[in-house]
Protein backbone atom coordinates (compact mmCIF):
# COMPACT_ATOMS: atom_id res chain seq x y z
CA MET A 1 1.92 -17.30 9.14
CA THR A 2 1.80 -14.13 7.04
CA MET A 3 2.55 -13.32 3.29
CA ARG A 4 4.79 -10.55 2.34
CA LYS A 5 4.92 -8.75 -0.76
CA THR A 6 6.72 -5.45 -2.32
CA PHE A 7 4.97 -3.26 -5.31
CA GLU A 8 6.75 -0.71 -7.01
CA LEU A 9 4.32 2.46 -6.87
CA GLU A 10 4.04 4.91 -10.15
CA ASN A 11 3.34 8.56 -9.69
CA LEU A 12 4.08 8.91 -5.92
CA GLU A 13 4.77 12.48 -5.57
CA CYS A 14 4.59 13.40 -1.96
CA ALA A 15 6.40 12.07 0.95
CA ASN A 16 3.80 13.44 3.42
CA CYS A 17 1.07 11.70 1.38
CA ALA A 18 3.04 8.38 1.37
CA ALA A 19 2.99 8.59 5.01
CA LYS A 20 -0.95 9.04 5.18
CA MET A 21 -1.29 5.91 2.79
CA GLU A 22 0.86 3.90 4.72
CA ARG A 23 -1.09 4.56 8.18
CA ASP A 24 -4.42 4.21 6.44
CA ILE A 25 -3.46 0.59 4.74
CA SER A 26 -1.79 -0.44 7.90
CA ALA A 27 -5.24 -0.10 9.70
CA PHE A 28 -6.63 -2.67 7.34
CA PRO A 29 -7.89 -5.70 9.62
CA GLU A 30 -5.82 -8.15 7.45
CA VAL A 31 -2.68 -6.03 7.34
CA LYS A 32 0.17 -6.92 9.60
CA LYS A 33 2.52 -4.26 8.30
CA CYS A 34 2.39 -1.64 5.45
CA THR A 35 5.32 0.33 4.75
CA ILE A 36 5.68 2.83 1.94
CA THR A 37 9.11 4.31 1.19
CA PHE A 38 8.77 7.48 -0.61
CA MET A 39 12.42 7.62 -2.14
CA THR A 40 12.17 4.50 -3.93
CA SER A 41 8.56 4.40 -4.64
CA ARG A 42 7.82 0.99 -3.07
CA MET A 43 5.35 -0.50 -0.92
CA SER A 44 5.87 -3.58 1.12
CA ILE A 45 2.68 -5.14 2.63
CA THR A 46 2.46 -8.13 4.82
CA ILE A 47 -1.10 -9.46 5.36
CA ILE A 48 -2.33 -12.35 7.17
CA ASP A 49 -2.98 -16.03 5.98
CA GLY A 50 -6.32 -16.47 3.95
CA ALA A 51 -6.70 -12.56 3.36
CA ASP A 52 -7.43 -11.57 -0.62
CA LEU A 53 -4.17 -10.03 -1.80
CA ASP A 54 -6.24 -8.68 -4.71
CA ASP A 55 -8.78 -7.40 -2.68
CA VAL A 56 -6.44 -5.71 -0.26
CA LEU A 57 -4.50 -4.27 -3.29
CA ASP A 58 -7.68 -2.80 -4.64
CA ARG A 59 -8.40 -1.15 -1.64
CA ALA A 60 -5.08 0.23 -1.10
CA GLN A 61 -5.32 1.69 -4.73
CA LYS A 62 -8.39 3.57 -3.42
CA VAL A 63 -6.57 4.84 -0.51
CA MET A 64 -3.78 5.77 -2.53
CA ARG A 65 -5.97 7.83 -5.24
CA SER A 66 -7.69 9.63 -2.65
CA TYR A 67 -4.34 11.21 -1.72
CA GLU A 68 -2.94 11.29 -5.10
CA LYS A 69 -4.95 10.77 -8.18
CA ASP A 70 -2.20 9.29 -10.34
CA CYS A 71 -0.52 7.29 -7.95
CA THR A 72 -0.84 3.55 -8.98
CA ILE A 73 0.32 0.09 -7.75
CA VAL A 74 2.33 -1.83 -10.15
CA ARG A 75 1.25 -5.58 -10.09
């Protein structure tokens, strides 16, 4: 089983950066799929059962800030 959640992203300014964020977050071992849609500023993330969503989101936030310092996941 998996859990899928969608989050709004604030201050997402760059489509190329969004693609890099998506690639890096998708590489997390507990992430089955991550999709970041630049046009709507939304991230959909699917994680495996038993994974800590807050931990994944904290790490995802660090990835995002490495590309765009003001980009924030709205929880």
